[in-house]
C-alpha atoms as a PDB file:
ATOM      1  CA  MET A   1       4.273  10.796  22.227  1.00  0.00           C
ATOM      2  CA  LYS A   2       2.614   7.713  20.704  1.00  0.00           C
ATOM      3  CA  LYS A   3       0.789   9.930  18.227  1.00  0.00           C
ATOM      4  CA  HIS A   4       4.068  11.510  17.132  1.00  0.00           C
ATOM      5  CA  TYR A   5       5.649   8.121  16.476  1.00  0.00           C
ATOM      6  CA  SER A   6       2.609   6.839  14.578  1.00  0.00           C
ATOM      7  CA  LEU A   7       2.723   9.887  12.287  1.00  0.00           C
ATOM      8  CA  LYS A   8       6.425   9.378  11.785  1.00  0.00           C
ATOM      9  CA  ALA A   9       5.888   5.737  10.881  1.00  0.00           C
ATOM     10  CA  LEU A  10       3.240   6.642   8.316  1.00  0.00           C
ATOM     11  CA  ALA A  11       5.417   9.363   6.845  1.00  0.00           C
ATOM     12  CA  ALA A  12       8.350   6.978   6.581  1.00  0.00           C
ATOM     13  CA  LEU A  13       6.315   4.821   4.188  1.00  0.00           C
ATOM     14  CA  PHE A  14       6.861   7.537   1.602  1.00  0.00           C
ATOM     15  CA  LEU A  15      10.628   7.147   1.853  1.00  0.00           C
ATOM     16  CA  LEU A  16      11.071   3.377   1.828  1.00  0.00           C
ATOM     17  CA  VAL A  17      12.762   3.891  -1.518  1.00  0.00           C
ATOM     18  CA  MET A  18      15.649   5.471   0.364  1.00  0.00           C
ATOM     19  CA  ALA A  19      15.859   3.309   3.431  1.00  0.00           C
ATOM     20  CA  GLN A  20      17.260  -0.100   2.510  1.00  0.00           C
ATOM     21  CA  LYS A  21      20.995  -0.617   1.925  1.00  0.00           C
ATOM     22  CA  ALA A  22      22.055   2.979   1.416  1.00  0.00           C
ATOM     23  CA  SER A  23      21.077   6.349   2.712  1.00  0.00           C
ATOM     24  CA  ALA A  24      18.924   8.721   0.694  1.00  0.00           C
ATOM     25  CA  GLN A  25      21.930  11.018   0.315  1.00  0.00           C
ATOM     26  CA  GLN A  26      23.991   8.254  -1.281  1.00  0.00           C
ATOM     27  CA  ASP A  27      21.204   7.165  -3.629  1.00  0.00           C
ATOM     28  CA  VAL A  28      20.501  10.689  -4.861  1.00  0.00           C
ATOM     29  CA  GLY A  29      24.163  11.697  -4.868  1.00  0.00           C
ATOM     30  CA  GLY A  30      25.063   8.865  -7.220  1.00  0.00           C
ATOM     31  CA  LEU A  31      22.970  10.551  -9.922  1.00  0.00           C
ATOM     32  CA  PHE A  32      24.851  13.881  -9.802  1.00  0.00           C
ATOM     33  CA  VAL A  33      27.363  13.155 -12.553  1.00  0.00           C
ATOM     34  CA  GLY A  34      28.010  14.303 -16.102  1.00  0.00           C
ATOM     35  CA  GLY A  35      26.718  17.858 -15.640  1.00  0.00           C
ATOM     36  CA  PRO A  36      23.375  19.387 -14.620  1.00  0.00           C
ATOM     37  CA  ALA A  37      21.489  18.396 -17.788  1.00  0.00           C
ATOM     38  CA  ASP A  38      22.516  14.742 -17.517  1.00  0.00           C
ATOM     39  CA  ALA A  39      21.886  14.707 -13.752  1.00  0.00           C
ATOM     40  CA  THR A  40      18.339  15.984 -14.292  1.00  0.00           C
ATOM     41  CA  LYS A  41      17.620  13.254 -16.850  1.00  0.00           C
ATOM     42  CA  LEU A  42      19.036  10.544 -14.579  1.00  0.00           C
ATOM     43  CA  VAL A  43      17.037  11.797 -11.578  1.00  0.00           C
ATOM     44  CA  ASN A  44      13.877  11.769 -13.701  1.00  0.00           C
ATOM     45  CA  ALA A  45      14.459   8.257 -15.015  1.00  0.00           C
ATOM     46  CA  TYR A  46      15.410   6.803 -11.629  1.00  0.00           C
ATOM     47  CA  PHE A  47      12.514   8.329  -9.683  1.00  0.00           C
ATOM     48  CA  ASP A  48       9.829   8.036 -12.384  1.00  0.00           C
ATOM     49  CA  PRO A  49       7.827   5.301 -10.560  1.00  0.00           C
ATOM     50  CA  LEU A  50       8.037   7.294  -7.325  1.00  0.00           C
ATOM     51  CA  TYR A  51       6.531  10.332  -9.062  1.00  0.00           C
ATOM     52  CA  LYS A  52       3.683   8.269 -10.533  1.00  0.00           C
ATOM     53  CA  GLY A  53       3.033   6.036  -7.516  1.00  0.00           C
ATOM     54  CA  LEU A  54       3.071   8.912  -5.069  1.00  0.00           C
ATOM     55  CA  GLY A  55       0.881  10.954  -7.403  1.00  0.00           C
ATOM     56  CA  LEU A  56      -1.731   8.210  -7.269  1.00  0.00           C
ATOM     57  CA  GLY A  57      -1.456   7.971  -3.487  1.00  0.00           C
ATOM     58  CA  LEU A  58      -1.959  11.726  -3.125  1.00  0.00           C
ATOM     59  CA  THR A  59      -5.432  11.446  -4.666  1.00  0.00           C
ATOM     60  CA  ASP A  60      -6.454   8.233  -2.894  1.00  0.00           C
ATOM     61  CA  GLY A  61      -8.372   7.399   0.264  1.00  0.00           C
ATOM     62  CA  TRP A  62     -10.623  10.451   0.527  1.00  0.00           C
ATOM     63  CA  SER A  63     -13.923   8.627   1.002  1.00  0.00           C
ATOM     64  CA  ASN A  64     -15.402   5.116   1.081  1.00  0.00           C
ATOM     65  CA  THR A  65     -19.063   6.049   0.976  1.00  0.00           C
ATOM     66  CA  ALA A  66     -21.330   8.449  -0.906  1.00  0.00           C
ATOM     67  CA  LYS A  67     -23.365   9.134   2.231  1.00  0.00           C
ATOM     68  CA  SER A  68     -22.670  12.551   3.768  1.00  0.00           C
ATOM     69  CA  LYS A  69     -22.344  13.153   7.488  1.00  0.00           C
ATOM     70  CA  GLY A  70     -24.899  14.878   9.628  1.00  0.00           C
ATOM     71  CA  PHE A  71     -24.347  18.502  10.599  1.00  0.00           C
ATOM     72  CA  LEU A  72     -21.253  18.797  12.845  1.00  0.00           C
ATOM     73  CA  LYS A  73     -20.712  15.021  12.860  1.00  0.00           C
ATOM     74  CA  PHE A  74     -17.089  14.061  12.243  1.00  0.00           C
ATOM     75  CA  ASP A  75     -14.532  11.333  11.835  1.00  0.00           C
ATOM     76  CA  VAL A  76     -10.750  11.011  11.828  1.00  0.00           C
ATOM     77  CA  ARG A  77      -8.995   8.405   9.728  1.00  0.00           C
ATOM     78  CA  LEU A  78      -5.526   7.056   8.990  1.00  0.00           C
ATOM     79  CA  SER A  79      -4.909   4.981   5.898  1.00  0.00           C
ATOM     80  CA  ALA A  80      -2.112   3.847   3.624  1.00  0.00           C
ATOM     81  CA  SER A  81      -1.962   3.180  -0.109  1.00  0.00           C
ATOM     82  CA  ALA A  82       0.250   0.884  -2.132  1.00  0.00           C
ATOM     83  CA  ALA A  83       0.702   1.541  -5.866  1.00  0.00           C
ATOM     84  CA  PHE A  84       2.068  -1.434  -7.823  1.00  0.00           C
ATOM     85  CA  VAL A  85       4.858  -0.588 -10.254  1.00  0.00           C
ATOM     86  CA  PRO A  86       4.506  -2.513 -13.552  1.00  0.00           C
ATOM     87  CA  GLN A  87       7.437  -4.283 -15.188  1.00  0.00           C
ATOM     88  CA  SER A  88       7.946  -1.369 -17.575  1.00  0.00           C
ATOM     89  CA  GLY A  89       8.522   1.002 -14.630  1.00  0.00           C
ATOM     90  CA  ARG A  90      11.230  -1.047 -12.926  1.00  0.00           C
ATOM     91  CA  SER A  91      14.190  -0.178 -15.164  1.00  0.00           C
ATOM     92  CA  TYR A  92      15.389   2.430 -17.638  1.00  0.00           C
ATOM     93  CA  ASP A  93      17.862   2.507 -20.550  1.00  0.00           C
ATOM     94  CA  VAL A  94      20.355   5.383 -20.585  1.00  0.00           C
ATOM     95  CA  ASN A  95      20.541   5.137 -24.375  1.00  0.00           C
ATOM     96  CA  THR A  96      16.989   6.518 -24.543  1.00  0.00           C
ATOM     97  CA  LEU A  97      17.640   9.522 -22.245  1.00  0.00           C
ATOM     98  CA  GLY A  98      19.649  11.702 -24.621  1.00  0.00           C
ATOM     99  CA  LEU A  99      22.599  12.088 -22.223  1.00  0.00           C
ATOM    100  CA  SER A 100      25.432  14.367 -23.355  1.00  0.00           C
ATOM    101  CA  ASN A 101      28.388  13.391 -21.190  1.00  0.00           C
ATOM    102  CA  ILE A 102      27.572   9.866 -20.023  1.00  0.00           C
ATOM    103  CA  LYS A 103      27.859   6.663 -22.057  1.00  0.00           C
ATOM    104  CA  PRO A 104      27.797   2.959 -21.187  1.00  0.00           C
ATOM    105  CA  ALA A 105      31.253   1.592 -20.473  1.00  0.00           C
ATOM    106  CA  GLY A 106      30.253  -1.746 -21.998  1.00  0.00           C
ATOM    107  CA  THR A 107      27.317  -3.347 -23.773  1.00  0.00           C
ATOM    108  CA  ALA A 108      24.951  -3.042 -20.791  1.00  0.00           C
ATOM    109  CA  SER A 109      23.008   0.241 -20.689  1.00  0.00           C
ATOM    110  CA  THR A 110      20.117  -0.278 -18.231  1.00  0.00           C
ATOM    111  CA  GLY A 111      19.653   0.378 -14.543  1.00  0.00           C
ATOM    112  CA  PRO A 112      16.894  -0.288 -12.010  1.00  0.00           C
ATOM    113  CA  THR A 113      14.568   2.544 -11.091  1.00  0.00           C
ATOM    114  CA  ALA A 114      14.064   3.424  -7.438  1.00  0.00           C
ATOM    115  CA  PHE A 115      11.471   0.631  -7.197  1.00  0.00           C
ATOM    116  CA  GLY A 116      13.384  -1.786  -9.391  1.00  0.00           C
ATOM    117  CA  ASN A 117      15.591  -4.720  -8.474  1.00  0.00           C
ATOM    118  CA  ASP A 118      18.059  -4.620  -5.594  1.00  0.00           C
ATOM    119  CA  GLN A 119      21.153  -4.586  -7.791  1.00  0.00           C
ATOM    120  CA  GLU A 120      23.460  -2.012  -9.301  1.00  0.00           C
ATOM    121  CA  GLY A 121      22.855  -0.920 -12.857  1.00  0.00           C
ATOM    122  CA  ALA A 122      25.208  -0.827 -15.826  1.00  0.00           C
ATOM    123  CA  ARG A 123      28.674   0.693 -15.559  1.00  0.00           C
ATOM    124  CA  MET A 124      28.883   4.191 -17.052  1.00  0.00           C
ATOM    125  CA  GLN A 125      31.781   6.394 -18.181  1.00  0.00           C
ATOM    126  CA  ILE A 126      31.827  10.201 -17.989  1.00  0.00           C
ATOM    127  CA  TYR A 127      32.989  12.231 -21.000  1.00  0.00           C
ATOM    128  CA  THR A 128      33.898  15.895 -21.467  1.00  0.00           C
ATOM    129  CA  SER A 129      31.715  18.214 -23.557  1.00  0.00           C
ATOM    130  CA  ASN A 130      34.165  17.525 -26.415  1.00  0.00           C
ATOM    131  CA  GLY A 131      33.567  13.772 -26.210  1.00  0.00           C
ATOM    132  CA  ILE A 132      36.868  12.962 -24.498  1.00  0.00           C
ATOM    133  CA  PRO A 133      36.772  10.307 -21.728  1.00  0.00           C
ATOM    134  CA  THR A 134      37.465  11.759 -18.271  1.00  0.00           C
ATOM    135  CA  GLY A 135      38.628   8.430 -16.867  1.00  0.00           C
ATOM    136  CA  LYS A 136      35.785   8.505 -14.301  1.00  0.00           C
ATOM    137  CA  PHE A 137      33.316   5.612 -14.030  1.00  0.00           C
ATOM    138  CA  PHE A 138      30.219   4.888 -11.948  1.00  0.00           C
ATOM    139  CA  ASN A 139      27.413   2.363 -11.737  1.00  0.00           C
ATOM    140  CA  LEU A 140      23.776   3.319 -12.058  1.00  0.00           C
ATOM    141  CA  PRO A 141      22.241   3.126  -8.555  1.00  0.00           C
ATOM    142  CA  GLN A 142      20.322   0.091  -7.344  1.00  0.00           C
ATOM    143  CA  GLY A 143      16.628  -0.147  -6.552  1.00  0.00           C
ATOM    144  CA  VAL A 144      15.114  -1.214  -3.259  1.00  0.00           C
ATOM    145  CA  GLY A 145      14.094  -4.673  -4.489  1.00  0.00           C
ATOM    146  CA  PHE A 146      10.311  -4.341  -4.181  1.00  0.00           C
ATOM    147  CA  HIS A 147       7.836  -2.862  -6.609  1.00  0.00           C
ATOM    148  CA  VAL A 148       5.282  -1.040  -4.478  1.00  0.00           C
ATOM    149  CA  VAL A 149       5.163   2.732  -3.897  1.00  0.00           C
ATOM    150  CA  PRO A 150       3.657   3.462  -0.455  1.00  0.00           C
ATOM    151  CA  SER A 151       1.942   6.640   0.707  1.00  0.00           C
ATOM    152  CA  ALA A 152      -0.094   7.687   3.730  1.00  0.00           C
ATOM    153  CA  GLN A 153      -3.269   9.688   4.308  1.00  0.00           C
ATOM    154  CA  ILE A 154      -4.168  11.335   7.638  1.00  0.00           C
ATOM    155  CA  GLN A 155      -7.415  13.289   7.594  1.00  0.00           C
ATOM    156  CA  ALA A 156     -10.431  14.622   9.495  1.00  0.00           C
ATOM    157  CA  THR A 157     -13.926  15.097   8.007  1.00  0.00           C
ATOM    158  CA  LEU A 158     -16.742  17.336   9.265  1.00  0.00           C
ATOM    159  CA  GLY A 159     -20.391  17.373   8.194  1.00  0.00           C
ATOM    160  CA  LEU A 160     -21.949  20.692   7.133  1.00  0.00           C
ATOM    161  CA  PRO A 161     -25.506  21.668   6.177  1.00  0.00           C
ATOM    162  CA  LYS A 162     -26.913  20.777   2.740  1.00  0.00           C
ATOM    163  CA  ASN A 163     -25.371  17.274   2.797  1.00  0.00           C
ATOM    164  CA  ILE A 164     -21.816  18.581   2.431  1.00  0.00           C
ATOM    165  CA  ASP A 165     -18.680  17.088   3.979  1.00  0.00           C
ATOM    166  CA  VAL A 166     -15.387  18.960   4.198  1.00  0.00           C
ATOM    167  CA  THR A 167     -12.089  17.184   4.823  1.00  0.00           C
ATOM    168  CA  LEU A 168      -8.681  18.396   5.991  1.00  0.00           C
ATOM    169  CA  ARG A 169      -5.496  16.419   5.507  1.00  0.00           C
ATOM    170  CA  ALA A 170      -2.511  17.529   7.548  1.00  0.00           C
ATOM    171  CA  MET A 171       0.779  16.280   8.912  1.00  0.00           C
ATOM    172  CA  PRO A 172       3.302  18.613  10.551  1.00  0.00           C
ATOM    173  CA  LYS A 173       6.856  18.656   9.309  1.00  0.00           C
ATOM    174  CA  ILE A 174       8.479  15.507  10.631  1.00  0.00           C
ATOM    175  CA  LYS A 175      12.199  14.790  10.541  1.00  0.00           C
ATOM    176  CA  LEU A 176      12.626  11.204   9.390  1.00  0.00           C
ATOM    177  CA  GLY A 177      16.322  10.982  10.205  1.00  0.00           C
ATOM    178  CA  SER A 178      19.611  12.622   9.236  1.00  0.00           C
ATOM    179  CA  ASP A 179      19.820  10.535   6.053  1.00  0.00           C
ATOM    180  CA  LEU A 180      16.118  10.593   5.151  1.00  0.00           C
ATOM    181  CA  GLY A 181      15.198  14.269   5.385  1.00  0.00           C
ATOM    182  CA  SER A 182      11.836  15.684   6.475  1.00  0.00           C
ATOM    183  CA  LEU A 183       8.268  15.451   5.211  1.00  0.00           C
ATOM    184  CA  SER A 184       5.004  17.343   5.691  1.00  0.00           C
ATOM    185  CA  MET A 185       1.522  17.113   4.168  1.00  0.00           C
ATOM    186  CA  ILE A 186      -1.473  19.406   3.672  1.00  0.00           C
ATOM    187  CA  GLY A 187      -4.706  18.898   1.758  1.00  0.00           C
ATOM    188  CA  PHE A 188      -8.381  19.725   1.635  1.00  0.00           C
ATOM    189  CA  GLY A 189     -11.448  18.208  -0.001  1.00  0.00           C
ATOM    190  CA  ALA A 190     -15.240  18.280  -0.136  1.00  0.00           C
ATOM    191  CA  LYS A 191     -18.084  15.882  -0.920  1.00  0.00           C
ATOM    192  CA  VAL A 192     -21.729  16.638  -1.777  1.00  0.00           C
ATOM    193  CA  GLU A 193     -24.435  13.995  -1.536  1.00  0.00           C
ATOM    194  CA  LEU A 194     -26.646  14.713  -4.535  1.00  0.00           C
ATOM    195  CA  LEU A 195     -30.014  12.977  -4.205  1.00  0.00           C
ATOM    196  CA  PRO A 196     -31.227  14.760  -1.034  1.00  0.00           C
ATOM    197  CA  LEU A 197     -30.636  18.083  -2.788  1.00  0.00           C
ATOM    198  CA  PHE A 198     -33.214  17.192  -5.445  1.00  0.00           C
ATOM    199  CA  MET A 199     -35.507  14.688  -3.746  1.00  0.00           C
ATOM    200  CA  GLY A 200     -35.493  15.729  -0.100  1.00  0.00           C
ATOM    201  CA  SER A 201     -36.617  13.247   2.563  1.00  0.00           C
ATOM    202  CA  THR A 202     -38.117  10.852  -0.017  1.00  0.00           C
ATOM    203  CA  THR A 203     -34.691   9.870  -1.316  1.00  0.00           C
ATOM    204  CA  GLU A 204     -34.277   6.648   0.655  1.00  0.00           C
ATOM    205  CA  LYS A 205     -37.721   5.375  -0.374  1.00  0.00           C
ATOM    206  CA  LEU A 206     -37.322   6.070  -4.087  1.00  0.00           C
ATOM    207  CA  VAL A 207     -33.614   5.383  -4.725  1.00  0.00           C
ATOM    208  CA  PRO A 208     -31.892   2.457  -2.970  1.00  0.00           C
ATOM    209  CA  VAL A 209     -28.353   3.888  -3.231  1.00  0.00           C
ATOM    210  CA  ASP A 210     -26.464   7.035  -2.236  1.00  0.00           C
ATOM    211  CA  ILE A 211     -24.761   9.165  -4.902  1.00  0.00           C
ATOM    212  CA  ALA A 212     -22.181  11.904  -4.387  1.00  0.00           C
ATOM    213  CA  ILE A 213     -19.540  13.960  -6.135  1.00  0.00           C
ATOM    214  CA  ALA A 214     -16.243  14.727  -4.428  1.00  0.00           C
ATOM    215  CA  GLY A 215     -12.943  16.457  -5.022  1.00  0.00           C
ATOM    216  CA  GLY A 216      -9.673  16.960  -3.228  1.00  0.00           C
ATOM    217  CA  PHE A 217      -6.179  18.463  -3.297  1.00  0.00           C
ATOM    218  CA  THR A 218      -3.158  17.046  -1.448  1.00  0.00           C
ATOM    219  CA  GLN A 219       0.459  18.216  -1.282  1.00  0.00           C
ATOM    220  CA  TYR A 220       3.549  16.547   0.152  1.00  0.00           C
ATOM    221  CA  LYS A 221       6.609  18.693   0.844  1.00  0.00           C
ATOM    222  CA  TYR A 222       9.931  16.902   1.166  1.00  0.00           C
ATOM    223  CA  THR A 223      13.413  18.222   2.028  1.00  0.00           C
ATOM    224  CA  LEU A 224      16.628  16.189   2.013  1.00  0.00           C
ATOM    225  CA  PRO A 225      20.033  17.653   2.993  1.00  0.00           C
ATOM    226  CA  LEU A 226      22.863  16.505   0.686  1.00  0.00           C
ATOM    227  CA  ASN A 227      26.618  16.262   1.005  1.00  0.00           C
ATOM    228  CA  ILE A 228      27.957  15.516  -2.493  1.00  0.00           C
ATOM    229  CA  ASP A 229      31.639  16.385  -3.015  1.00  0.00           C
ATOM    230  CA  ASN A 230      30.711  19.287  -0.827  1.00  0.00           C
ATOM    231  CA  VAL A 231      32.214  22.744  -0.756  1.00  0.00           C
ATOM    232  CA  GLU A 232      32.038  25.027   2.250  1.00  0.00           C
ATOM    233  CA  ASN A 233      28.630  26.655   2.865  1.00  0.00           C
ATOM    234  CA  SER A 234      27.105  25.072  -0.255  1.00  0.00           C
ATOM    235  CA  ASP A 235      23.751  24.379   1.453  1.00  0.00           C
ATOM    236  CA  GLN A 236      23.107  21.318  -0.733  1.00  0.00           C
ATOM    237  CA  ARG A 237      19.594  19.911  -0.499  1.00  0.00           C
ATOM    238  CA  ILE A 238      16.649  18.469  -2.382  1.00  0.00           C
ATOM    239  CA  ASP A 239      13.403  20.458  -2.119  1.00  0.00           C
ATOM    240  CA  ALA A 240      10.360  18.764  -3.612  1.00  0.00           C
ATOM    241  CA  LYS A 241       6.618  19.344  -3.801  1.00  0.00           C
ATOM    242  CA  PHE A 242       4.217  16.643  -4.962  1.00  0.00           C
ATOM    243  CA  ASN A 243       0.669  17.845  -5.737  1.00  0.00           C
ATOM    244  CA  GLY A 244      -2.411  15.763  -6.501  1.00  0.00           C
ATOM    245  CA  VAL A 245      -5.964  16.765  -7.519  1.00  0.00           C
ATOM    246  CA  ASN A 246      -8.958  14.468  -8.006  1.00  0.00           C
ATOM    247  CA  PHE A 247     -12.675  14.609  -8.835  1.00  0.00           C
ATOM    248  CA  ASP A 248     -14.924  11.567  -8.349  1.00  0.00           C
ATOM    249  CA  ALA A 249     -18.500  10.383  -8.682  1.00  0.00           C
ATOM    250  CA  ILE A 250     -19.355   7.872  -5.938  1.00  0.00           C
ATOM    251  CA  VAL A 251     -22.187   5.344  -5.540  1.00  0.00           C
ATOM    252  CA  SER A 252     -22.642   3.342  -2.327  1.00  0.00           C
ATOM    253  CA  LYS A 253     -25.233   1.279  -0.462  1.00  0.00           C
ATOM    254  CA  LYS A 254     -25.296   0.738   3.296  1.00  0.00           C
ATOM    255  CA  ILE A 255     -26.183  -2.813   4.350  1.00  0.00           C
ATOM    256  CA  LEU A 256     -26.255  -2.909   8.168  1.00  0.00           C
ATOM    257  CA  PHE A 257     -22.621  -2.250   9.212  1.00  0.00           C
ATOM    258  CA  PHE A 258     -21.235  -2.906   5.702  1.00  0.00           C
ATOM    259  CA  THR A 259     -21.128  -0.258   2.950  1.00  0.00           C
ATOM    260  CA  PRO A 260     -19.750  -1.221  -0.479  1.00  0.00           C
ATOM    261  CA  PHE A 261     -18.974   1.585  -2.932  1.00  0.00           C
ATOM    262  CA  ALA A 262     -17.859   2.205  -6.506  1.00  0.00           C
ATOM    263  CA  SER A 263     -16.432   5.388  -7.976  1.00  0.00           C
ATOM    264  CA  VAL A 264     -15.075   6.755 -11.219  1.00  0.00           C
ATOM    265  CA  GLY A 265     -13.180   9.988 -11.598  1.00  0.00           C
ATOM    266  CA  TYR A 266     -10.361  12.092 -12.937  1.00  0.00           C
ATOM    267  CA  GLN A 267      -6.978  12.618 -11.297  1.00  0.00           C
ATOM    268  CA  THR A 268      -3.867  14.627 -12.003  1.00  0.00           C
ATOM    269  CA  SER A 269      -0.582  15.011 -10.149  1.00  0.00           C
ATOM    270  CA  ASN A 270       2.644  16.914 -10.691  1.00  0.00           C
ATOM    271  CA  THR A 271       6.162  17.055  -9.317  1.00  0.00           C
ATOM    272  CA  ASN A 272       8.282  20.142  -8.643  1.00  0.00           C
ATOM    273  CA  LEU A 273      11.731  18.989  -7.516  1.00  0.00           C
ATOM    274  CA  LYS A 274      14.916  21.041  -7.259  1.00  0.00           C
ATOM    275  CA  ALA A 275      18.480  20.313  -6.226  1.00  0.00           C
ATOM    276  CA  LEU A 276      19.601  23.511  -4.523  1.00  0.00           C
ATOM    277  CA  GLY A 277      23.073  24.594  -3.465  1.00  0.00           C
ATOM    278  CA  THR A 278      26.537  24.436  -5.045  1.00  0.00           C
ATOM    279  CA  TYR A 279      27.825  21.269  -6.745  1.00  0.00           C
ATOM    280  CA  ARG A 280      30.988  20.219  -8.574  1.00  0.00           C
ATOM    281  CA  PHE A 281      30.802  18.114 -11.745  1.00  0.00           C
ATOM    282  CA  ALA A 282      33.893  16.500 -13.306  1.00  0.00           C
ATOM    283  CA  THR A 283      34.951  17.978 -16.652  1.00  0.00           C
ATOM    284  CA  SER A 284      38.076  15.820 -17.029  1.00  0.00           C
ATOM    285  CA  ALA A 285      40.135  13.387 -14.998  1.00  0.00           C
ATOM    286  CA  THR A 286      41.626  16.260 -13.006  1.00  0.00           C
ATOM    287  CA  THR A 287      39.290  19.257 -13.374  1.00  0.00           C
ATOM    288  CA  SER A 288      35.717  20.105 -12.435  1.00  0.00           C
ATOM    289  CA  ALA A 289      33.114  22.837 -12.919  1.00  0.00           C
ATOM    290  CA  THR A 290      30.895  24.365 -10.238  1.00  0.00           C
ATOM    291  CA  TYR A 291      27.127  24.813 -10.676  1.00  0.00           C
ATOM    292  CA  VAL A 292      24.503  26.425  -8.449  1.00  0.00           C
ATOM    293  CA  ASP A 293      21.012  24.902  -8.185  1.00  0.00           C
ATOM    294  CA  PRO A 294      21.766  22.478 -11.033  1.00  0.00           C
ATOM    295  CA  VAL A 295      18.664  20.264 -11.147  1.00  0.00           C
ATOM    296  CA  SER A 296      15.047  21.313 -11.688  1.00  0.00           C
ATOM    297  CA  VAL A 297      12.192  18.924 -12.470  1.00  0.00           C
ATOM    298  CA  LYS A 298       8.712  20.309 -13.081  1.00  0.00           C
ATOM    299  CA  GLN A 299       6.283  17.963 -14.779  1.00  0.00           C
ATOM    300  CA  THR A 300       2.858  16.325 -14.795  1.00  0.00           C
ATOM    301  CA  ASP A 301       3.112  12.656 -13.795  1.00  0.00           C
ATOM    302  CA  ILE A 302      -0.509  11.459 -13.757  1.00  0.00           C
ATOM    303  CA  ASP A 303      -3.354  12.813 -15.883  1.00  0.00           C
ATOM    304  CA  GLY A 304      -6.305  10.519 -16.543  1.00  0.00           C
ATOM    305  CA  ILE A 305      -9.322   8.497 -15.478  1.00  0.00           C
ATOM    306  CA  ARG A 306      -9.458   6.113 -12.537  1.00  0.00           C
ATOM    307  CA  ALA A 307     -12.048   3.660 -11.192  1.00  0.00           C
ATOM    308  CA  SER A 308     -12.328   2.261  -7.653  1.00  0.00           C
ATOM    309  CA  LEU A 309     -14.193  -0.452  -5.757  1.00  0.00           C
ATOM    310  CA  GLY A 310     -14.176  -0.684  -1.970  1.00  0.00           C
ATOM    311  CA  PHE A 311     -16.012  -0.881   1.308  1.00  0.00           C
ATOM    312  CA  GLN A 312     -16.489   0.569   4.760  1.00  0.00           C
ATOM    313  CA  LEU A 313     -17.151  -1.444   7.924  1.00  0.00           C
ATOM    314  CA  LYS A 314     -18.611   0.381  10.902  1.00  0.00           C
ATOM    315  CA  PHE A 315     -18.684  -0.964  14.460  1.00  0.00           C
ATOM    316  CA  GLY A 316     -19.888   1.720  16.856  1.00  0.00           C
ATOM    317  CA  PHE A 317     -17.398   4.571  16.829  1.00  0.00           C
ATOM    318  CA  PHE A 318     -14.845   2.640  14.784  1.00  0.00           C
ATOM    319  CA  LYS A 319     -14.597   2.247  11.014  1.00  0.00           C
ATOM    320  CA  PHE A 320     -12.406   0.128   8.776  1.00  0.00           C
ATOM    321  CA  TYR A 321     -11.791   0.857   5.112  1.00  0.00           C
ATOM    322  CA  GLY A 322     -10.475  -0.873   2.032  1.00  0.00           C
ATOM    323  CA  SER A 323     -10.419  -0.203  -1.710  1.00  0.00           C
ATOM    324  CA  TYR A 324      -8.854  -1.161  -5.023  1.00  0.00           C
ATOM    325  CA  THR A 325      -8.180   1.420  -7.762  1.00  0.00           C
ATOM    326  CA  GLN A 326      -7.334   0.900 -11.398  1.00  0.00           C
ATOM    327  CA  ALA A 327      -5.404   3.802 -12.922  1.00  0.00           C
ATOM    328  CA  LYS A 328      -1.903   4.424 -14.361  1.00  0.00           C
ATOM    329  CA  TYR A 329      -0.726   1.933 -11.741  1.00  0.00           C
ATOM    330  CA  SER A 330      -3.137  -0.375  -9.918  1.00  0.00           C
ATOM    331  CA  MET A 331      -3.398   0.435  -6.221  1.00  0.00           C
ATOM    332  CA  VAL A 332      -4.904  -0.732  -2.917  1.00  0.00           C
ATOM    333  CA  ASN A 333      -5.807   1.348   0.123  1.00  0.00           C
ATOM    334  CA  ALA A 334      -6.633   0.291   3.679  1.00  0.00           C
ATOM    335  CA  GLY A 335      -7.115   2.084   6.955  1.00  0.00           C
ATOM    336  CA  PHE A 336      -9.157   2.710  10.063  1.00  0.00           C
ATOM    337  CA  GLY A 337     -10.854   5.621  11.778  1.00  0.00           C
ATOM    338  CA  PHE A 338     -13.283   6.702  14.439  1.00  0.00           C
ATOM    339  CA  GLY A 339     -16.032   9.281  14.601  1.00  0.00           C
ATOM    340  CA  ILE A 340     -19.403  10.418  15.818  1.00  0.00           C
ATOM    341  CA  GLY A 341     -22.546  10.285  13.726  1.00  0.00           C
ATOM    342  CA  LYS A 342     -23.384   8.872  10.335  1.00  0.00           C
END
């Protein structure tokens, strides 16, 4: 039972964007205005820092040492990452989105992103496709008031022959609450310590550091039921997949129980998000049009180089980890684990 609640707490980190003053359904539902094309652009602008921050977290926390484990030695670890959203990622301007049926109702035209300030954005007015005002207004949704995108990593690593480690990341589908949806995670990775492959048992005498290459893939799946101006049997929901891939070169040096490391690598992440079901969008003050599966977002969010510095502390069976990564957003990671063997 305790394990279930700890997994749920880690998973809930991912959805802190939804959990403050309003439910996830209300936050997302407020973006479904002006027609499917405009709704897609608003969803993209509002959640842009979530896509990027989560993409970074998906590729983080795989390893804090270049040293491989002995054959059939293992460890299990839980860690969390925090990606810091820069000032430029905390708001958006609707005038830059190319909206068709939505215009500012006044001079203000900006709104906070999901990880922007805890205040409503500018007041908007909805227009028909012919440019006629519908008489309907809304405010761009508020942010959560903090500028950090959290994510969690839960993984187990096993040592294989030839100085190879394999790692599995997994979290069963967990329901976070009626207003927060459900989340699951799966991933796999591998690390190869290089010097023993070429230098054998003389490695430690000739080279004072350990060197490895590593790679990994992680996927979050998220589902959120919606109830937006609902019609009977509409089955409204958000289905999203967030994928991350990374490749790294790692250098580390064990000093008693302390192992500092540095790494440089390449990472990429993408988002595939859909709003499924039947939705009504206002076409005038008194009429509306019905659309099925109106929103689809499929894009690459992160694609570039990253560099990390960190450490591992080992006390018997227990290990503690920490690292800092510089990439699209800067990020920190911390966690703990336990295992048998080096």
